[in-house]
Amino acid sequence: MRAPGPLLGLLLLWLPGKEGEHWGFVQPSVVTQSPSSLSASLADKVSITCQASQNTDTKLAWYQQKPRKAPKLLIYAVSRSPSWFPSQFSGSGFGIDFTLTISSLKADDIAAYYCQQDHGLPPTVFGQGTKLEIKRSDAQPSVFLFKPSEEQLRTGTVSVVCLVNDFYPKDINVKWKVDGVTQNSNFQNSFTDQDSKKSTYSLSSTLTLSSSEYQSHNAYACEVSHKSLPTALVKSFNKNEC
């Protein structure tokens, strides 16, 4: 008599206890990766660690994922690397403890890095990832303010956009004022990823209003505060002026 599918699955999991398992059901594998973020200067040596809850032998891989790109295999079988990746990447470890090392950091190495265990249950488990940032000297932002287009004014909703370009570090504060009154809502900030050439950040801050609300006010200002600036940088326009 054949066991039903679900029952067969349970029987397969009901295994004698051994290292990394409870007696009875197999303990799910967990992979802990650290640090979650890392900031280092060009030419620095950096390391990312990965610890598995079960002995993985040599079934451990590392992946690199650049912004808006699919992950690429960086290291497999703990220390082996595909021929297309540069030699500054290396992997080491055995059993449960593993390390990815970048011997000399380059601007092109800006990415997120993930370890992946291919052993146990479930069969493939990823670490939570490490986001790598290039550390550089402080950079002052440049700020540009854009009025709504004439086409937008004919619709029900308008956007006033403040572009803040090429700053470092990433921490920055953008404040909107309408007729001198600070706006606590109706705006949204969107950051870019760190630029691989300049190692700077940029953001777009968009203030969204109804057409009638926009028309009922005159003075619009975007105020940017950053550690590289001695005082806040303000860009503004008066709607009623040409």
C-alpha atoms as a PDB file:
ATOM      1  CA  MET A   1       0.000   0.000   0.000  1.00  0.00           C
ATOM      2  CA  ARG A   2       1.478   3.405  -1.028  1.00  0.00           C
ATOM      3  CA  ALA A   3       1.547   6.238   1.483  1.00  0.00           C
ATOM      4  CA  PRO A   4      -0.318   9.379   0.384  1.00  0.00           C
ATOM      5  CA  GLY A   5       1.904  12.235  -0.818  1.00  0.00           C
ATOM      6  CA  PRO A   6       1.592  14.481   2.272  1.00  0.00           C
ATOM      7  CA  LEU A   7       2.110  11.541   4.614  1.00  0.00           C
ATOM      8  CA  LEU A   8       5.150  10.400   2.631  1.00  0.00           C
ATOM      9  CA  GLY A   9       6.607  13.884   2.972  1.00  0.00           C
ATOM     10  CA  LEU A  10       6.163  13.750   6.737  1.00  0.00           C
ATOM     11  CA  LEU A  11       7.773  10.320   6.899  1.00  0.00           C
ATOM     12  CA  LEU A  12      10.786  11.592   4.951  1.00  0.00           C
ATOM     13  CA  LEU A  13      11.246  14.429   7.446  1.00  0.00           C
ATOM     14  CA  TRP A  14      10.901  12.096  10.424  1.00  0.00           C
ATOM     15  CA  LEU A  15      14.593  11.211  10.600  1.00  0.00           C
ATOM     16  CA  PRO A  16      16.861  10.077  13.455  1.00  0.00           C
ATOM     17  CA  GLY A  17      18.472  13.040  15.198  1.00  0.00           C
ATOM     18  CA  LYS A  18      22.004  13.996  14.212  1.00  0.00           C
ATOM     19  CA  GLU A  19      24.180  17.090  14.207  1.00  0.00           C
ATOM     20  CA  GLY A  20      22.173  20.166  13.227  1.00  0.00           C
ATOM     21  CA  GLU A  21      18.811  18.392  13.668  1.00  0.00           C
ATOM     22  CA  HIS A  22      16.269  17.873  16.427  1.00  0.00           C
ATOM     23  CA  TRP A  23      15.165  14.331  17.158  1.00  0.00           C
ATOM     24  CA  GLY A  24      12.286  13.829  14.774  1.00  0.00           C
ATOM     25  CA  PHE A  25      11.663  16.748  12.380  1.00  0.00           C
ATOM     26  CA  VAL A  26      14.704  18.235  10.626  1.00  0.00           C
ATOM     27  CA  GLN A  27      15.608  21.665  11.983  1.00  0.00           C
ATOM     28  CA  PRO A  28      15.355  24.306   9.208  1.00  0.00           C
ATOM     29  CA  SER A  29      18.671  25.767   8.168  1.00  0.00           C
ATOM     30  CA  VAL A  30      19.418  29.403   9.036  1.00  0.00           C
ATOM     31  CA  VAL A  31      22.176  31.578   7.571  1.00  0.00           C
ATOM     32  CA  THR A  32      23.359  34.653   9.487  1.00  0.00           C
ATOM     33  CA  GLN A  33      25.320  37.251   7.527  1.00  0.00           C
ATOM     34  CA  SER A  34      27.142  40.271   8.954  1.00  0.00           C
ATOM     35  CA  PRO A  35      27.462  43.179   8.837  1.00  0.00           C
ATOM     36  CA  SER A  36      24.214  44.326   7.199  1.00  0.00           C
ATOM     37  CA  SER A  37      25.975  47.414   5.845  1.00  0.00           C
ATOM     38  CA  LEU A  38      29.619  48.301   5.386  1.00  0.00           C
ATOM     39  CA  SER A  39      31.384  51.568   4.556  1.00  0.00           C
ATOM     40  CA  ALA A  40      35.044  51.525   3.495  1.00  0.00           C
ATOM     41  CA  SER A  41      37.524  53.636   1.537  1.00  0.00           C
ATOM     42  CA  LEU A  42      38.965  52.819  -1.866  1.00  0.00           C
ATOM     43  CA  ALA A  43      41.848  50.294  -1.686  1.00  0.00           C
ATOM     44  CA  ASP A  44      40.711  49.084   1.764  1.00  0.00           C
ATOM     45  CA  LYS A  45      40.551  45.380   2.569  1.00  0.00           C
ATOM     46  CA  VAL A  46      37.047  44.398   3.670  1.00  0.00           C
ATOM     47  CA  SER A  47      35.456  41.173   4.890  1.00  0.00           C
ATOM     48  CA  ILE A  48      31.871  39.899   5.126  1.00  0.00           C
ATOM     49  CA  THR A  49      31.061  36.876   7.274  1.00  0.00           C
ATOM     50  CA  CYS A  50      28.404  34.200   6.974  1.00  0.00           C
ATOM     51  CA  GLN A  51      27.489  31.612   9.615  1.00  0.00           C
ATOM     52  CA  ALA A  52      25.258  28.629   8.914  1.00  0.00           C
ATOM     53  CA  SER A  53      23.219  26.843  11.564  1.00  0.00           C
ATOM     54  CA  GLN A  54      24.069  23.479   9.994  1.00  0.00           C
ATOM     55  CA  ASN A  55      27.318  22.039   8.693  1.00  0.00           C
ATOM     56  CA  THR A  56      27.356  22.887   4.965  1.00  0.00           C
ATOM     57  CA  ASP A  57      30.731  21.273   4.144  1.00  0.00           C
ATOM     58  CA  THR A  58      31.773  23.243   1.045  1.00  0.00           C
ATOM     59  CA  LYS A  59      28.297  24.045  -0.297  1.00  0.00           C
ATOM     60  CA  LEU A  60      28.503  27.805   0.213  1.00  0.00           C
ATOM     61  CA  ALA A  61      28.371  30.481  -2.481  1.00  0.00           C
ATOM     62  CA  TRP A  62      28.541  34.291  -2.629  1.00  0.00           C
ATOM     63  CA  TYR A  63      26.585  36.559  -4.974  1.00  0.00           C
ATOM     64  CA  GLN A  64      27.064  40.190  -5.975  1.00  0.00           C
ATOM     65  CA  GLN A  65      24.018  42.297  -6.882  1.00  0.00           C
ATOM     66  CA  LYS A  66      24.538  45.760  -8.351  1.00  0.00           C
ATOM     67  CA  PRO A  67      21.685  48.312  -8.337  1.00  0.00           C
ATOM     68  CA  ARG A  68      18.865  47.372 -10.712  1.00  0.00           C
ATOM     69  CA  LYS A  69      20.756  44.270 -11.896  1.00  0.00           C
ATOM     70  CA  ALA A  70      20.257  40.554 -11.367  1.00  0.00           C
ATOM     71  CA  PRO A  71      22.582  38.834  -8.856  1.00  0.00           C
ATOM     72  CA  LYS A  72      25.814  37.390 -10.284  1.00  0.00           C
ATOM     73  CA  LEU A  73      27.670  34.381  -8.936  1.00  0.00           C
ATOM     74  CA  LEU A  74      30.882  35.610  -7.308  1.00  0.00           C
ATOM     75  CA  ILE A  75      32.219  32.594  -5.378  1.00  0.00           C
ATOM     76  CA  TYR A  76      31.083  28.961  -5.358  1.00  0.00           C
ATOM     77  CA  ALA A  77      32.152  25.912  -3.337  1.00  0.00           C
ATOM     78  CA  VAL A  78      33.432  28.309  -0.619  1.00  0.00           C
ATOM     79  CA  SER A  79      36.524  29.550  -2.469  1.00  0.00           C
ATOM     80  CA  ARG A  80      36.208  28.945  -6.200  1.00  0.00           C
ATOM     81  CA  SER A  81      35.453  31.893  -8.475  1.00  0.00           C
ATOM     82  CA  PRO A  82      34.317  32.160 -12.103  1.00  0.00           C
ATOM     83  CA  SER A  83      37.005  33.383 -14.478  1.00  0.00           C
ATOM     84  CA  TRP A  84      35.144  36.604 -15.272  1.00  0.00           C
ATOM     85  CA  PHE A  85      35.385  38.037 -11.729  1.00  0.00           C
ATOM     86  CA  PRO A  86      38.476  40.032 -10.709  1.00  0.00           C
ATOM     87  CA  SER A  87      41.036  38.467  -8.411  1.00  0.00           C
ATOM     88  CA  GLN A  88      40.480  40.844  -5.464  1.00  0.00           C
ATOM     89  CA  PHE A  89      37.520  38.651  -4.406  1.00  0.00           C
ATOM     90  CA  SER A  90      38.251  35.516  -2.393  1.00  0.00           C
ATOM     91  CA  GLY A  91      36.283  33.120  -0.203  1.00  0.00           C
ATOM     92  CA  SER A  92      37.293  30.974   2.748  1.00  0.00           C
ATOM     93  CA  GLY A  93      35.842  28.795   5.516  1.00  0.00           C
ATOM     94  CA  PHE A  94      34.449  25.339   6.184  1.00  0.00           C
ATOM     95  CA  GLY A  95      31.546  23.764   8.057  1.00  0.00           C
ATOM     96  CA  ILE A  96      29.510  26.662   9.437  1.00  0.00           C
ATOM     97  CA  ASP A  97      31.791  29.746   9.287  1.00  0.00           C
ATOM     98  CA  PHE A  98      32.628  31.470   6.004  1.00  0.00           C
ATOM     99  CA  THR A  99      34.177  34.756   4.875  1.00  0.00           C
ATOM    100  CA  LEU A 100      34.137  36.805   1.680  1.00  0.00           C
ATOM    101  CA  THR A 101      37.176  39.099   1.368  1.00  0.00           C
ATOM    102  CA  ILE A 102      37.771  41.988  -1.030  1.00  0.00           C
ATOM    103  CA  SER A 103      41.523  42.599  -0.922  1.00  0.00           C
ATOM    104  CA  SER A 104      41.502  46.094  -2.463  1.00  0.00           C
ATOM    105  CA  LEU A 105      38.167  47.914  -2.707  1.00  0.00           C
ATOM    106  CA  LYS A 106      37.308  49.594  -6.020  1.00  0.00           C
ATOM    107  CA  ALA A 107      34.499  52.019  -6.897  1.00  0.00           C
ATOM    108  CA  ASP A 108      32.978  49.363  -9.136  1.00  0.00           C
ATOM    109  CA  ASP A 109      32.518  47.087  -6.104  1.00  0.00           C
ATOM    110  CA  ILE A 110      29.519  49.127  -4.858  1.00  0.00           C
ATOM    111  CA  ALA A 111      26.814  46.450  -4.546  1.00  0.00           C
ATOM    112  CA  ALA A 112      24.919  44.194  -2.175  1.00  0.00           C
ATOM    113  CA  TYR A 113      26.559  40.855  -1.327  1.00  0.00           C
ATOM    114  CA  TYR A 114      24.726  37.668  -0.326  1.00  0.00           C
ATOM    115  CA  CYS A 115      25.938  34.312   0.931  1.00  0.00           C
ATOM    116  CA  GLN A 116      23.969  31.237  -0.115  1.00  0.00           C
ATOM    117  CA  GLN A 117      23.897  27.806   1.493  1.00  0.00           C
ATOM    118  CA  ASP A 118      23.021  24.896  -0.748  1.00  0.00           C
ATOM    119  CA  HIS A 119      22.722  22.161   1.842  1.00  0.00           C
ATOM    120  CA  GLY A 120      20.055  20.835   4.190  1.00  0.00           C
ATOM    121  CA  LEU A 121      16.413  21.865   4.383  1.00  0.00           C
ATOM    122  CA  PRO A 122      15.240  24.031   2.746  1.00  0.00           C
ATOM    123  CA  PRO A 123      17.789  23.205   0.027  1.00  0.00           C
ATOM    124  CA  THR A 124      18.751  26.839  -0.712  1.00  0.00           C
ATOM    125  CA  VAL A 125      19.031  29.515   1.980  1.00  0.00           C
ATOM    126  CA  PHE A 126      20.365  33.068   1.516  1.00  0.00           C
ATOM    127  CA  GLY A 127      21.849  35.448   4.050  1.00  0.00           C
ATOM    128  CA  GLN A 128      20.088  38.777   4.587  1.00  0.00           C
ATOM    129  CA  GLY A 129      22.710  40.641   2.555  1.00  0.00           C
ATOM    130  CA  THR A 130      25.441  43.218   3.117  1.00  0.00           C
ATOM    131  CA  LYS A 131      25.214  46.598   1.404  1.00  0.00           C
ATOM    132  CA  LEU A 132      28.677  47.941   0.606  1.00  0.00           C
ATOM    133  CA  GLU A 133      29.255  51.711   0.407  1.00  0.00           C
ATOM    134  CA  ILE A 134      32.396  53.545  -0.668  1.00  0.00           C
ATOM    135  CA  LYS A 135      33.564  56.038   1.944  1.00  0.00           C
ATOM    136  CA  ARG A 136      34.825  59.358   0.591  1.00  0.00           C
ATOM    137  CA  SER A 137      35.324  62.986   1.633  1.00  0.00           C
ATOM    138  CA  ASP A 138      32.261  65.141   2.239  1.00  0.00           C
ATOM    139  CA  ALA A 139      30.682  66.535  -0.939  1.00  0.00           C
ATOM    140  CA  GLN A 140      28.383  69.561  -1.075  1.00  0.00           C
ATOM    141  CA  PRO A 141      25.099  69.094  -2.929  1.00  0.00           C
ATOM    142  CA  SER A 142      23.908  71.187  -5.841  1.00  0.00           C
ATOM    143  CA  VAL A 143      20.185  72.026  -5.754  1.00  0.00           C
ATOM    144  CA  PHE A 144      17.727  72.699  -8.595  1.00  0.00           C
ATOM    145  CA  LEU A 145      14.057  73.635  -8.222  1.00  0.00           C
ATOM    146  CA  PHE A 146      11.490  73.043 -10.970  1.00  0.00           C
ATOM    147  CA  LYS A 147       8.025  74.552 -11.332  1.00  0.00           C
ATOM    148  CA  PRO A 148       5.090  72.463 -12.551  1.00  0.00           C
ATOM    149  CA  SER A 149       4.682  72.319 -16.320  1.00  0.00           C
ATOM    150  CA  GLU A 150       1.869  74.179 -18.079  1.00  0.00           C
ATOM    151  CA  GLU A 151       0.390  70.809 -18.967  1.00  0.00           C
ATOM    152  CA  GLN A 152       0.293  69.813 -15.285  1.00  0.00           C
ATOM    153  CA  LEU A 153      -1.455  73.045 -14.376  1.00  0.00           C
ATOM    154  CA  ARG A 154      -4.357  72.006 -16.583  1.00  0.00           C
ATOM    155  CA  THR A 155      -4.788  68.759 -14.668  1.00  0.00           C
ATOM    156  CA  GLY A 156      -5.997  68.196 -11.124  1.00  0.00           C
ATOM    157  CA  THR A 157      -2.583  67.556  -9.555  1.00  0.00           C
ATOM    158  CA  VAL A 158       0.766  69.366  -9.837  1.00  0.00           C
ATOM    159  CA  SER A 159       4.296  68.550  -8.696  1.00  0.00           C
ATOM    160  CA  VAL A 160       7.090  70.887  -7.633  1.00  0.00           C
ATOM    161  CA  VAL A 161      10.421  69.042  -7.854  1.00  0.00           C
ATOM    162  CA  CYS A 162      13.654  69.735  -5.985  1.00  0.00           C
ATOM    163  CA  LEU A 163      16.716  67.870  -7.295  1.00  0.00           C
ATOM    164  CA  VAL A 164      19.636  67.522  -4.893  1.00  0.00           C
ATOM    165  CA  ASN A 165      22.704  66.178  -6.671  1.00  0.00           C
ATOM    166  CA  ASP A 166      26.115  64.721  -5.839  1.00  0.00           C
ATOM    167  CA  PHE A 167      26.388  64.825  -2.049  1.00  0.00           C
ATOM    168  CA  TYR A 168      28.155  62.668   0.540  1.00  0.00           C
ATOM    169  CA  PRO A 169      27.465  61.341   3.142  1.00  0.00           C
ATOM    170  CA  LYS A 170      23.941  60.136   2.452  1.00  0.00           C
ATOM    171  CA  ASP A 171      22.315  61.739   5.513  1.00  0.00           C
ATOM    172  CA  ILE A 172      20.533  64.898   4.352  1.00  0.00           C
ATOM    173  CA  ASN A 173      17.457  66.936   5.241  1.00  0.00           C
ATOM    174  CA  VAL A 174      15.086  68.518   2.726  1.00  0.00           C
ATOM    175  CA  LYS A 175      12.441  70.962   3.952  1.00  0.00           C
ATOM    176  CA  TRP A 176       9.626  72.455   1.873  1.00  0.00           C
ATOM    177  CA  LYS A 177       8.089  75.864   2.562  1.00  0.00           C
ATOM    178  CA  VAL A 178       4.986  77.333   0.917  1.00  0.00           C
ATOM    179  CA  ASP A 179       4.463  81.050   1.572  1.00  0.00           C
ATOM    180  CA  GLY A 180       6.937  80.652   4.440  1.00  0.00           C
ATOM    181  CA  VAL A 181       5.039  77.777   6.076  1.00  0.00           C
ATOM    182  CA  THR A 182       6.911  74.474   6.519  1.00  0.00           C
ATOM    183  CA  GLN A 183       5.172  71.530   4.882  1.00  0.00           C
ATOM    184  CA  ASN A 184       4.985  68.390   7.030  1.00  0.00           C
ATOM    185  CA  SER A 185       3.335  66.198   4.395  1.00  0.00           C
ATOM    186  CA  ASN A 186       2.531  66.087   0.669  1.00  0.00           C
ATOM    187  CA  PHE A 187       6.150  65.469  -0.319  1.00  0.00           C
ATOM    188  CA  GLN A 188       8.265  62.400  -0.967  1.00  0.00           C
ATOM    189  CA  ASN A 189      12.040  61.907  -1.174  1.00  0.00           C
ATOM    190  CA  SER A 190      13.599  59.355  -3.504  1.00  0.00           C
ATOM    191  CA  PHE A 191      17.329  58.560  -3.263  1.00  0.00           C
ATOM    192  CA  THR A 192      19.536  57.199  -6.009  1.00  0.00           C
ATOM    193  CA  ASP A 193      22.047  54.441  -5.320  1.00  0.00           C
ATOM    194  CA  GLN A 194      25.623  55.519  -4.698  1.00  0.00           C
ATOM    195  CA  ASP A 195      27.266  56.603  -7.947  1.00  0.00           C
ATOM    196  CA  SER A 196      29.984  54.129  -8.961  1.00  0.00           C
ATOM    197  CA  LYS A 197      32.245  56.876 -10.363  1.00  0.00           C
ATOM    198  CA  LYS A 198      31.849  59.782  -7.908  1.00  0.00           C
ATOM    199  CA  SER A 199      30.751  57.734  -4.862  1.00  0.00           C
ATOM    200  CA  THR A 200      28.081  60.388  -4.208  1.00  0.00           C
ATOM    201  CA  TYR A 201      24.301  60.276  -3.735  1.00  0.00           C
ATOM    202  CA  SER A 202      21.473  62.269  -5.281  1.00  0.00           C
ATOM    203  CA  LEU A 203      17.802  62.607  -4.457  1.00  0.00           C
ATOM    204  CA  SER A 204      14.585  63.922  -5.898  1.00  0.00           C
ATOM    205  CA  SER A 205      12.105  65.553  -3.520  1.00  0.00           C
ATOM    206  CA  THR A 206       8.611  66.013  -4.942  1.00  0.00           C
ATOM    207  CA  LEU A 207       5.957  68.257  -3.413  1.00  0.00           C
ATOM    208  CA  THR A 208       2.504  67.243  -4.684  1.00  0.00           C
ATOM    209  CA  LEU A 209      -0.492  69.581  -4.496  1.00  0.00           C
ATOM    210  CA  SER A 210      -3.881  69.952  -6.114  1.00  0.00           C
ATOM    211  CA  SER A 211      -3.961  72.507  -8.910  1.00  0.00           C
ATOM    212  CA  SER A 212      -6.255  74.771  -6.908  1.00  0.00           C
ATOM    213  CA  GLU A 213      -4.018  74.599  -3.827  1.00  0.00           C
ATOM    214  CA  TYR A 214      -0.935  75.386  -5.902  1.00  0.00           C
ATOM    215  CA  GLN A 215      -2.644  78.364  -7.524  1.00  0.00           C
ATOM    216  CA  SER A 216      -3.737  79.742  -4.147  1.00  0.00           C
ATOM    217  CA  HIS A 217      -0.127  80.213  -2.978  1.00  0.00           C
ATOM    218  CA  ASN A 218       2.801  82.182  -4.363  1.00  0.00           C
ATOM    219  CA  ALA A 219       6.203  81.478  -2.767  1.00  0.00           C
ATOM    220  CA  TYR A 220       7.719  77.969  -2.979  1.00  0.00           C
ATOM    221  CA  ALA A 221      11.068  77.051  -1.418  1.00  0.00           C
ATOM    222  CA  CYS A 222      13.221  73.940  -1.067  1.00  0.00           C
ATOM    223  CA  GLU A 223      15.676  74.112   1.862  1.00  0.00           C
ATOM    224  CA  VAL A 224      18.533  71.600   2.047  1.00  0.00           C
ATOM    225  CA  SER A 225      20.658  70.938   5.155  1.00  0.00           C
ATOM    226  CA  HIS A 226      23.778  68.748   4.968  1.00  0.00           C
ATOM    227  CA  LYS A 227      26.944  68.367   7.035  1.00  0.00           C
ATOM    228  CA  SER A 228      29.033  69.713   4.131  1.00  0.00           C
ATOM    229  CA  LEU A 229      27.096  73.007   4.110  1.00  0.00           C
ATOM    230  CA  PRO A 230      27.845  75.830   6.595  1.00  0.00           C
ATOM    231  CA  THR A 231      24.200  76.951   6.349  1.00  0.00           C
ATOM    232  CA  ALA A 232      21.080  75.579   4.698  1.00  0.00           C
ATOM    233  CA  LEU A 233      20.983  75.917   0.899  1.00  0.00           C
ATOM    234  CA  VAL A 234      17.684  77.390  -0.301  1.00  0.00           C
ATOM    235  CA  LYS A 235      16.200  77.454  -3.800  1.00  0.00           C
ATOM    236  CA  SER A 236      12.888  79.243  -4.315  1.00  0.00           C
ATOM    237  CA  PHE A 237      10.522  80.874  -6.797  1.00  0.00           C
ATOM    238  CA  ASN A 238       7.483  83.117  -6.705  1.00  0.00           C
ATOM    239  CA  LYS A 239       4.713  81.722  -8.844  1.00  0.00           C
ATOM    240  CA  ASN A 240       3.428  85.157  -9.832  1.00  0.00           C
ATOM    241  CA  GLU A 241       6.816  86.283 -11.149  1.00  0.00           C
ATOM    242  CA  CYS A 242       7.957  85.471 -14.685  1.00  0.00           C
END
